[in-house]
Amino acid sequence: MLKQSFKYKQQKGFTLVGWLVVIAIFLYFAYLAMIITPYLISNNTMNNILESLKQEPAITQKSKREIWRLIENRMLVNQVRDISKDSFDIEKGNNTVTVYLEYDDKIHFMGNTYILIERNKSVELVRN
């Protein structure tokens, strides 16, 4: 009778538990990205809106109300609805206008956990 010798091979690759851990980590970060991405896009849009005010002719000669209307119209076009007038502060100087934007986004993550994103942006508009 032939004697069979069994050689144990070393295990290579991931086990099922290893794959489950990798998938769980991937899903966690995918969920986090899905929640935060709209807020980051909104932040980028607001930065572009404020920067576009620099191209506006005679911006330093306009009143605070007119400047707010320009911002409000740009927000409507870009479908930014979650930022109120209270988040803006417009200060007029001699030949400059400074627009400040400051607000917080409180994002519900899961359970009683929230993500807080603080946004501070200012743009100085000079007479052109």
C-alpha atoms as a PDB file:
ATOM      1  CA  MET A   1       0.000   0.000   0.000  1.00  0.00           C
ATOM      2  CA  LEU A   2       1.211   3.391  -0.910  1.00  0.00           C
ATOM      3  CA  LYS A   3       1.699   5.763   1.858  1.00  0.00           C
ATOM      4  CA  GLN A   4       0.322   9.176   1.077  1.00  0.00           C
ATOM      5  CA  SER A   5       2.094  12.122   2.529  1.00  0.00           C
ATOM      6  CA  PHE A   6       0.025  15.173   3.117  1.00  0.00           C
ATOM      7  CA  LYS A   7       1.838  18.436   2.972  1.00  0.00           C
ATOM      8  CA  TYR A   8       0.115  21.404   4.455  1.00  0.00           C
ATOM      9  CA  LYS A   9       0.391  24.421   2.298  1.00  0.00           C
ATOM     10  CA  GLN A  10       0.675  27.848   3.815  1.00  0.00           C
ATOM     11  CA  GLN A  11      -2.467  29.837   3.472  1.00  0.00           C
ATOM     12  CA  LYS A  12      -2.259  32.660   0.952  1.00  0.00           C
ATOM     13  CA  GLY A  13      -4.632  35.564   0.497  1.00  0.00           C
ATOM     14  CA  PHE A  14      -7.450  36.950   2.586  1.00  0.00           C
ATOM     15  CA  THR A  15      -9.795  34.988   4.745  1.00  0.00           C
ATOM     16  CA  LEU A  16     -13.492  35.700   4.821  1.00  0.00           C
ATOM     17  CA  VAL A  17     -13.096  37.732   8.007  1.00  0.00           C
ATOM     18  CA  GLY A  18     -10.303  39.745   6.394  1.00  0.00           C
ATOM     19  CA  TRP A  19     -12.512  40.552   3.415  1.00  0.00           C
ATOM     20  CA  LEU A  20     -15.395  41.554   5.693  1.00  0.00           C
ATOM     21  CA  VAL A  21     -13.137  43.969   7.576  1.00  0.00           C
ATOM     22  CA  VAL A  22     -11.884  45.521   4.319  1.00  0.00           C
ATOM     23  CA  ILE A  23     -15.433  45.864   2.976  1.00  0.00           C
ATOM     24  CA  ALA A  24     -16.663  47.386   6.257  1.00  0.00           C
ATOM     25  CA  ILE A  25     -13.883  50.000   6.199  1.00  0.00           C
ATOM     26  CA  PHE A  26     -14.601  50.786   2.544  1.00  0.00           C
ATOM     27  CA  LEU A  27     -18.339  51.184   3.227  1.00  0.00           C
ATOM     28  CA  TYR A  28     -17.661  53.422   6.222  1.00  0.00           C
ATOM     29  CA  PHE A  29     -15.572  55.843   4.152  1.00  0.00           C
ATOM     30  CA  ALA A  30     -18.005  55.681   1.225  1.00  0.00           C
ATOM     31  CA  TYR A  31     -20.867  56.603   3.569  1.00  0.00           C
ATOM     32  CA  LEU A  32     -18.818  59.444   5.039  1.00  0.00           C
ATOM     33  CA  ALA A  33     -18.003  60.756   1.551  1.00  0.00           C
ATOM     34  CA  MET A  34     -21.660  60.575   0.472  1.00  0.00           C
ATOM     35  CA  ILE A  35     -22.698  62.673   3.462  1.00  0.00           C
ATOM     36  CA  ILE A  36     -19.966  65.318   3.238  1.00  0.00           C
ATOM     37  CA  THR A  37     -19.673  65.776  -0.553  1.00  0.00           C
ATOM     38  CA  PRO A  38     -22.785  67.996  -1.039  1.00  0.00           C
ATOM     39  CA  TYR A  39     -21.541  70.349   1.674  1.00  0.00           C
ATOM     40  CA  LEU A  40     -18.093  70.563   0.097  1.00  0.00           C
ATOM     41  CA  ILE A  41     -19.654  71.314  -3.280  1.00  0.00           C
ATOM     42  CA  SER A  42     -21.773  74.043  -1.663  1.00  0.00           C
ATOM     43  CA  ASN A  43     -18.663  75.513  -0.042  1.00  0.00           C
ATOM     44  CA  ASN A  44     -16.846  75.552  -3.390  1.00  0.00           C
ATOM     45  CA  THR A  45     -19.852  77.214  -5.041  1.00  0.00           C
ATOM     46  CA  MET A  46     -19.962  79.938  -2.384  1.00  0.00           C
ATOM     47  CA  ASN A  47     -16.240  80.573  -2.821  1.00  0.00           C
ATOM     48  CA  ASN A  48     -16.798  80.973  -6.565  1.00  0.00           C
ATOM     49  CA  ILE A  49     -19.746  83.321  -5.981  1.00  0.00           C
ATOM     50  CA  LEU A  50     -17.712  85.566  -3.692  1.00  0.00           C
ATOM     51  CA  GLU A  51     -14.721  85.540  -6.047  1.00  0.00           C
ATOM     52  CA  SER A  52     -16.983  86.438  -8.987  1.00  0.00           C
ATOM     53  CA  LEU A  53     -17.893  89.683  -7.225  1.00  0.00           C
ATOM     54  CA  LYS A  54     -14.381  90.925  -8.035  1.00  0.00           C
ATOM     55  CA  GLN A  55     -15.350  91.013 -11.720  1.00  0.00           C
ATOM     56  CA  GLU A  56     -18.441  93.138 -11.104  1.00  0.00           C
ATOM     57  CA  PRO A  57     -17.981  96.676 -12.499  1.00  0.00           C
ATOM     58  CA  ALA A  58     -18.131  99.553  -9.999  1.00  0.00           C
ATOM     59  CA  ILE A  59     -18.777  97.166  -7.095  1.00  0.00           C
ATOM     60  CA  THR A  60     -17.362  99.596  -4.522  1.00  0.00           C
ATOM     61  CA  GLN A  61     -19.869 102.262  -5.512  1.00  0.00           C
ATOM     62  CA  LYS A  62     -22.887 100.028  -4.920  1.00  0.00           C
ATOM     63  CA  SER A  63     -24.862 100.026  -1.696  1.00  0.00           C
ATOM     64  CA  LYS A  64     -24.877  97.099   0.716  1.00  0.00           C
ATOM     65  CA  ARG A  65     -28.366  96.204  -0.469  1.00  0.00           C
ATOM     66  CA  GLU A  66     -27.253  96.117  -4.124  1.00  0.00           C
ATOM     67  CA  ILE A  67     -24.260  93.957  -3.241  1.00  0.00           C
ATOM     68  CA  TRP A  68     -26.527  91.600  -1.306  1.00  0.00           C
ATOM     69  CA  ARG A  69     -28.852  91.378  -4.353  1.00  0.00           C
ATOM     70  CA  LEU A  70     -25.875  90.397  -6.534  1.00  0.00           C
ATOM     71  CA  ILE A  71     -24.938  87.661  -4.057  1.00  0.00           C
ATOM     72  CA  GLU A  72     -28.549  86.515  -3.713  1.00  0.00           C
ATOM     73  CA  ASN A  73     -29.015  86.285  -7.491  1.00  0.00           C
ATOM     74  CA  ARG A  74     -25.841  84.249  -7.868  1.00  0.00           C
ATOM     75  CA  MET A  75     -27.003  81.939  -5.079  1.00  0.00           C
ATOM     76  CA  LEU A  76     -30.352  81.420  -6.843  1.00  0.00           C
ATOM     77  CA  VAL A  77     -28.669  80.612 -10.147  1.00  0.00           C
ATOM     78  CA  ASN A  78     -26.326  78.119  -8.439  1.00  0.00           C
ATOM     79  CA  GLN A  79     -29.166  76.648  -6.348  1.00  0.00           C
ATOM     80  CA  VAL A  80     -27.622  77.444  -2.978  1.00  0.00           C
ATOM     81  CA  ARG A  81     -30.557  77.492  -0.576  1.00  0.00           C
ATOM     82  CA  ASP A  82     -29.109  76.661   2.819  1.00  0.00           C
ATOM     83  CA  ILE A  83     -27.271  79.953   3.473  1.00  0.00           C
ATOM     84  CA  SER A  84     -29.186  82.921   4.847  1.00  0.00           C
ATOM     85  CA  LYS A  85     -28.580  86.646   4.743  1.00  0.00           C
ATOM     86  CA  ASP A  86     -27.552  86.513   8.406  1.00  0.00           C
ATOM     87  CA  SER A  87     -24.415  84.598   7.405  1.00  0.00           C
ATOM     88  CA  PHE A  88     -23.074  87.578   5.444  1.00  0.00           C
ATOM     89  CA  ASP A  89     -21.515  90.803   6.618  1.00  0.00           C
ATOM     90  CA  ILE A  90     -20.706  93.573   4.148  1.00  0.00           C
ATOM     91  CA  GLU A  91     -18.358  96.365   5.229  1.00  0.00           C
ATOM     92  CA  LYS A  92     -17.718  99.391   3.075  1.00  0.00           C
ATOM     93  CA  GLY A  93     -14.458 101.354   3.213  1.00  0.00           C
ATOM     94  CA  ASN A  94     -13.176 104.297   1.176  1.00  0.00           C
ATOM     95  CA  ASN A  95     -12.296 102.423  -1.998  1.00  0.00           C
ATOM     96  CA  THR A  96     -12.967  98.875  -0.847  1.00  0.00           C
ATOM     97  CA  VAL A  97     -15.816  96.627   0.096  1.00  0.00           C
ATOM     98  CA  THR A  98     -15.218  93.521   2.193  1.00  0.00           C
ATOM     99  CA  VAL A  99     -17.752  90.706   2.153  1.00  0.00           C
ATOM    100  CA  TYR A 100     -17.563  88.204   5.005  1.00  0.00           C
ATOM    101  CA  LEU A 101     -19.281  84.843   4.977  1.00  0.00           C
ATOM    102  CA  GLU A 102     -19.380  82.834   8.185  1.00  0.00           C
ATOM    103  CA  TYR A 103     -21.638  79.897   9.012  1.00  0.00           C
ATOM    104  CA  ASP A 104     -21.588  76.333  10.291  1.00  0.00           C
ATOM    105  CA  ASP A 105     -22.987  73.157   8.812  1.00  0.00           C
ATOM    106  CA  LYS A 106     -24.104  70.540  11.315  1.00  0.00           C
ATOM    107  CA  ILE A 107     -24.367  67.197   9.545  1.00  0.00           C
ATOM    108  CA  HIS A 108     -26.088  64.227  11.166  1.00  0.00           C
ATOM    109  CA  PHE A 109     -23.719  61.285  10.770  1.00  0.00           C
ATOM    110  CA  MET A 110     -25.250  58.389  12.670  1.00  0.00           C
ATOM    111  CA  GLY A 111     -26.953  57.929  15.994  1.00  0.00           C
ATOM    112  CA  ASN A 112     -26.135  60.934  18.115  1.00  0.00           C
ATOM    113  CA  THR A 113     -22.952  61.744  16.179  1.00  0.00           C
ATOM    114  CA  TYR A 114     -22.705  64.931  14.138  1.00  0.00           C
ATOM    115  CA  ILE A 115     -20.064  66.427  11.889  1.00  0.00           C
ATOM    116  CA  LEU A 116     -19.534  70.174  12.222  1.00  0.00           C
ATOM    117  CA  ILE A 117     -18.074  72.084   9.284  1.00  0.00           C
ATOM    118  CA  GLU A 118     -17.136  75.695  10.024  1.00  0.00           C
ATOM    119  CA  ARG A 119     -16.895  78.024   7.061  1.00  0.00           C
ATOM    120  CA  ASN A 120     -15.189  81.403   7.092  1.00  0.00           C
ATOM    121  CA  LYS A 121     -14.535  83.252   3.884  1.00  0.00           C
ATOM    122  CA  SER A 122     -13.909  86.889   3.147  1.00  0.00           C
ATOM    123  CA  VAL A 123     -13.229  88.700  -0.081  1.00  0.00           C
ATOM    124  CA  GLU A 124     -11.973  92.235  -0.457  1.00  0.00           C
ATOM    125  CA  LEU A 125     -13.365  94.072  -3.442  1.00  0.00           C
ATOM    126  CA  VAL A 126     -11.281  96.962  -4.729  1.00  0.00           C
ATOM    127  CA  ARG A 127     -12.442  99.747  -7.017  1.00  0.00           C
ATOM    128  CA  ASN A 128     -11.806  98.719 -10.625  1.00  0.00           C
END
